């Protein structure tokens, strides 16, 4: 099963991080094998997206906050907050199941 990748244009962020000797990447993922099927659907069931809507809900706040970023520390804070917000909203939006899907959604990278 291939993971879904949703990308933001992080060219400026990556350039800033490289100059400062750091990284500002975070991954928000679920840890169950059927998360992808819930997100995208299958031939047998409709999609119940939860990751993409969570990302789109926080995008405007990220873009607004990013406009004020000057230092790598600020960039790290914005990226960390954005990732945690996506995680929180994805958990809220995840389809109701036994709790395994919601409990498996987490941020990888950064200050865990």
C-alpha atoms as a PDB file:
ATOM      1  CA  UNK A   1       0.000   0.000   0.000  1.00  0.00           C
ATOM      2  CA  UNK A   2       1.457   3.377  -1.013  1.00  0.00           C
ATOM      3  CA  UNK A   3       1.112   6.299   1.392  1.00  0.00           C
ATOM      4  CA  UNK A   4      -0.648   9.463   0.278  1.00  0.00           C
ATOM      5  CA  UNK A   5       1.612  12.466   0.057  1.00  0.00           C
ATOM      6  CA  UNK A   6       0.146  15.939   0.294  1.00  0.00           C
ATOM      7  CA  UNK A   7       2.762  18.594  -0.278  1.00  0.00           C
ATOM      8  CA  UNK A   8       2.962  22.285   0.429  1.00  0.00           C
ATOM      9  CA  UNK A   9       5.499  24.342  -1.468  1.00  0.00           C
ATOM     10  CA  UNK A  10       8.313  24.418   1.083  1.00  0.00           C
ATOM     11  CA  UNK A  11      11.046  25.805  -1.179  1.00  0.00           C
ATOM     12  CA  UNK A  12      11.595  28.934   0.927  1.00  0.00           C
ATOM     13  CA  UNK A  13      11.310  26.951   4.144  1.00  0.00           C
ATOM     14  CA  UNK A  14      13.854  24.371   2.983  1.00  0.00           C
ATOM     15  CA  UNK A  15      16.274  27.095   1.849  1.00  0.00           C
ATOM     16  CA  UNK A  16      16.010  28.853   5.225  1.00  0.00           C
ATOM     17  CA  UNK A  17      16.487  25.574   7.094  1.00  0.00           C
ATOM     18  CA  UNK A  18      19.553  24.593   5.041  1.00  0.00           C
ATOM     19  CA  UNK A  19      21.193  27.968   5.640  1.00  0.00           C
ATOM     20  CA  UNK A  20      20.631  27.577   9.363  1.00  0.00           C
ATOM     21  CA  UNK A  21      21.738  23.933   9.422  1.00  0.00           C
ATOM     22  CA  UNK A  22      18.355  22.562  10.431  1.00  0.00           C
ATOM     23  CA  UNK A  23      15.189  21.008   9.104  1.00  0.00           C
ATOM     24  CA  UNK A  24      11.562  22.003   9.495  1.00  0.00           C
ATOM     25  CA  UNK A  25       9.734  18.998   8.099  1.00  0.00           C
ATOM     26  CA  UNK A  26       6.899  17.190   9.812  1.00  0.00           C
ATOM     27  CA  UNK A  27       4.781  14.289   8.628  1.00  0.00           C
ATOM     28  CA  UNK A  28       1.255  13.706   9.875  1.00  0.00           C
ATOM     29  CA  UNK A  29       0.362  10.057   9.382  1.00  0.00           C
ATOM     30  CA  UNK A  30      -1.985   7.378  10.552  1.00  0.00           C
ATOM     31  CA  UNK A  31      -0.672   4.039  11.694  1.00  0.00           C
ATOM     32  CA  UNK A  32      -3.367   1.682  10.501  1.00  0.00           C
ATOM     33  CA  UNK A  33      -3.402  -0.158   7.199  1.00  0.00           C
ATOM     34  CA  UNK A  34      -6.938   0.944   6.326  1.00  0.00           C
ATOM     35  CA  UNK A  35      -6.422   4.697   6.799  1.00  0.00           C
ATOM     36  CA  UNK A  36      -5.666   5.095   3.109  1.00  0.00           C
ATOM     37  CA  UNK A  37      -8.878   3.278   2.194  1.00  0.00           C
ATOM     38  CA  UNK A  38     -10.899   5.593   4.437  1.00  0.00           C
ATOM     39  CA  UNK A  39      -9.217   8.644   2.912  1.00  0.00           C
ATOM     40  CA  UNK A  40      -9.451   7.620  -0.737  1.00  0.00           C
ATOM     41  CA  UNK A  41     -12.239   5.040  -0.813  1.00  0.00           C
ATOM     42  CA  UNK A  42     -12.228   1.715  -2.645  1.00  0.00           C
ATOM     43  CA  UNK A  43     -14.334   0.028  -5.282  1.00  0.00           C
ATOM     44  CA  UNK A  44     -16.459  -1.248  -2.373  1.00  0.00           C
ATOM     45  CA  UNK A  45     -16.816   1.898  -0.254  1.00  0.00           C
ATOM     46  CA  UNK A  46     -16.955   5.646  -0.586  1.00  0.00           C
ATOM     47  CA  UNK A  47     -14.090   7.831   0.555  1.00  0.00           C
ATOM     48  CA  UNK A  48     -14.281   9.426   3.997  1.00  0.00           C
ATOM     49  CA  UNK A  49     -11.450  11.977   3.759  1.00  0.00           C
ATOM     50  CA  UNK A  50     -10.021  13.208   7.026  1.00  0.00           C
ATOM     51  CA  UNK A  51      -6.365  14.114   6.346  1.00  0.00           C
ATOM     52  CA  UNK A  52      -6.856  16.321   3.283  1.00  0.00           C
ATOM     53  CA  UNK A  53      -9.708  18.337   4.820  1.00  0.00           C
ATOM     54  CA  UNK A  54      -7.648  18.810   7.988  1.00  0.00           C
ATOM     55  CA  UNK A  55      -4.709  20.089   5.945  1.00  0.00           C
ATOM     56  CA  UNK A  56      -6.894  22.433   3.927  1.00  0.00           C
ATOM     57  CA  UNK A  57      -8.501  23.784   7.103  1.00  0.00           C
ATOM     58  CA  UNK A  58      -5.142  24.860   8.553  1.00  0.00           C
ATOM     59  CA  UNK A  59      -3.544  26.024   5.287  1.00  0.00           C
ATOM     60  CA  UNK A  60      -4.766  29.671   5.526  1.00  0.00           C
ATOM     61  CA  UNK A  61      -3.392  30.020   9.062  1.00  0.00           C
ATOM     62  CA  UNK A  62      -0.086  28.472   8.025  1.00  0.00           C
ATOM     63  CA  UNK A  63       0.250  30.801   5.050  1.00  0.00           C
ATOM     64  CA  UNK A  64      -0.586  33.861   7.167  1.00  0.00           C
ATOM     65  CA  UNK A  65       1.860  32.855   9.908  1.00  0.00           C
ATOM     66  CA  UNK A  66       4.533  31.993   7.346  1.00  0.00           C
ATOM     67  CA  UNK A  67       4.460  35.564   6.005  1.00  0.00           C
ATOM     68  CA  UNK A  68       5.870  36.741   9.361  1.00  0.00           C
ATOM     69  CA  UNK A  69       8.639  34.122   9.662  1.00  0.00           C
ATOM     70  CA  UNK A  70      12.132  35.588   9.804  1.00  0.00           C
ATOM     71  CA  UNK A  71      14.202  33.035  11.743  1.00  0.00           C
ATOM     72  CA  UNK A  72      14.580  29.269  11.691  1.00  0.00           C
ATOM     73  CA  UNK A  73      13.206  29.135  15.236  1.00  0.00           C
ATOM     74  CA  UNK A  74      10.043  30.901  14.078  1.00  0.00           C
ATOM     75  CA  UNK A  75       9.813  28.562  11.085  1.00  0.00           C
ATOM     76  CA  UNK A  76      10.090  25.542  13.386  1.00  0.00           C
ATOM     77  CA  UNK A  77       7.322  26.922  15.591  1.00  0.00           C
ATOM     78  CA  UNK A  78       4.994  27.576  12.654  1.00  0.00           C
ATOM     79  CA  UNK A  79       5.612  24.143  11.136  1.00  0.00           C
ATOM     80  CA  UNK A  80       5.204  22.377  14.485  1.00  0.00           C
ATOM     81  CA  UNK A  81       1.941  24.206  15.251  1.00  0.00           C
ATOM     82  CA  UNK A  82       0.617  23.497  11.767  1.00  0.00           C
ATOM     83  CA  UNK A  83       1.447  19.788  12.044  1.00  0.00           C
ATOM     84  CA  UNK A  84      -0.196  19.557  15.482  1.00  0.00           C
ATOM     85  CA  UNK A  85      -3.276  21.373  14.188  1.00  0.00           C
ATOM     86  CA  UNK A  86      -3.537  18.963  11.236  1.00  0.00           C
ATOM     87  CA  UNK A  87      -3.138  16.039  13.647  1.00  0.00           C
ATOM     88  CA  UNK A  88      -5.876  17.362  15.949  1.00  0.00           C
ATOM     89  CA  UNK A  89      -8.326  18.068  13.133  1.00  0.00           C
ATOM     90  CA  UNK A  90      -7.630  14.758  11.386  1.00  0.00           C
ATOM     91  CA  UNK A  91      -8.464  12.954  14.624  1.00  0.00           C
ATOM     92  CA  UNK A  92     -11.724  14.872  14.886  1.00  0.00           C
ATOM     93  CA  UNK A  93     -12.603  14.239  11.231  1.00  0.00           C
ATOM     94  CA  UNK A  94     -11.520  10.587  11.113  1.00  0.00           C
ATOM     95  CA  UNK A  95     -14.410   8.172  10.596  1.00  0.00           C
ATOM     96  CA  UNK A  96     -15.698   6.574  13.770  1.00  0.00           C
ATOM     97  CA  UNK A  97     -14.197   3.138  14.230  1.00  0.00           C
ATOM     98  CA  UNK A  98     -12.878   1.213  17.201  1.00  0.00           C
ATOM     99  CA  UNK A  99     -10.628   4.168  17.964  1.00  0.00           C
ATOM    100  CA  UNK A 100      -7.602   2.581  16.337  1.00  0.00           C
ATOM    101  CA  UNK A 101      -7.572   4.983  13.387  1.00  0.00           C
ATOM    102  CA  UNK A 102      -8.038   8.122  15.456  1.00  0.00           C
ATOM    103  CA  UNK A 103      -5.515   7.011  18.056  1.00  0.00           C
ATOM    104  CA  UNK A 104      -2.947   6.175  15.390  1.00  0.00           C
ATOM    105  CA  UNK A 105      -2.828   9.661  13.831  1.00  0.00           C
ATOM    106  CA  UNK A 106       0.416  11.334  14.863  1.00  0.00           C
ATOM    107  CA  UNK A 107       3.136  13.794  13.898  1.00  0.00           C
ATOM    108  CA  UNK A 108       6.514  12.388  12.881  1.00  0.00           C
ATOM    109  CA  UNK A 109       9.580  14.572  13.198  1.00  0.00           C
ATOM    110  CA  UNK A 110      10.360  17.660  15.204  1.00  0.00           C
ATOM    111  CA  UNK A 111       9.588  18.125  18.865  1.00  0.00           C
ATOM    112  CA  UNK A 112       7.558  15.050  19.722  1.00  0.00           C
END
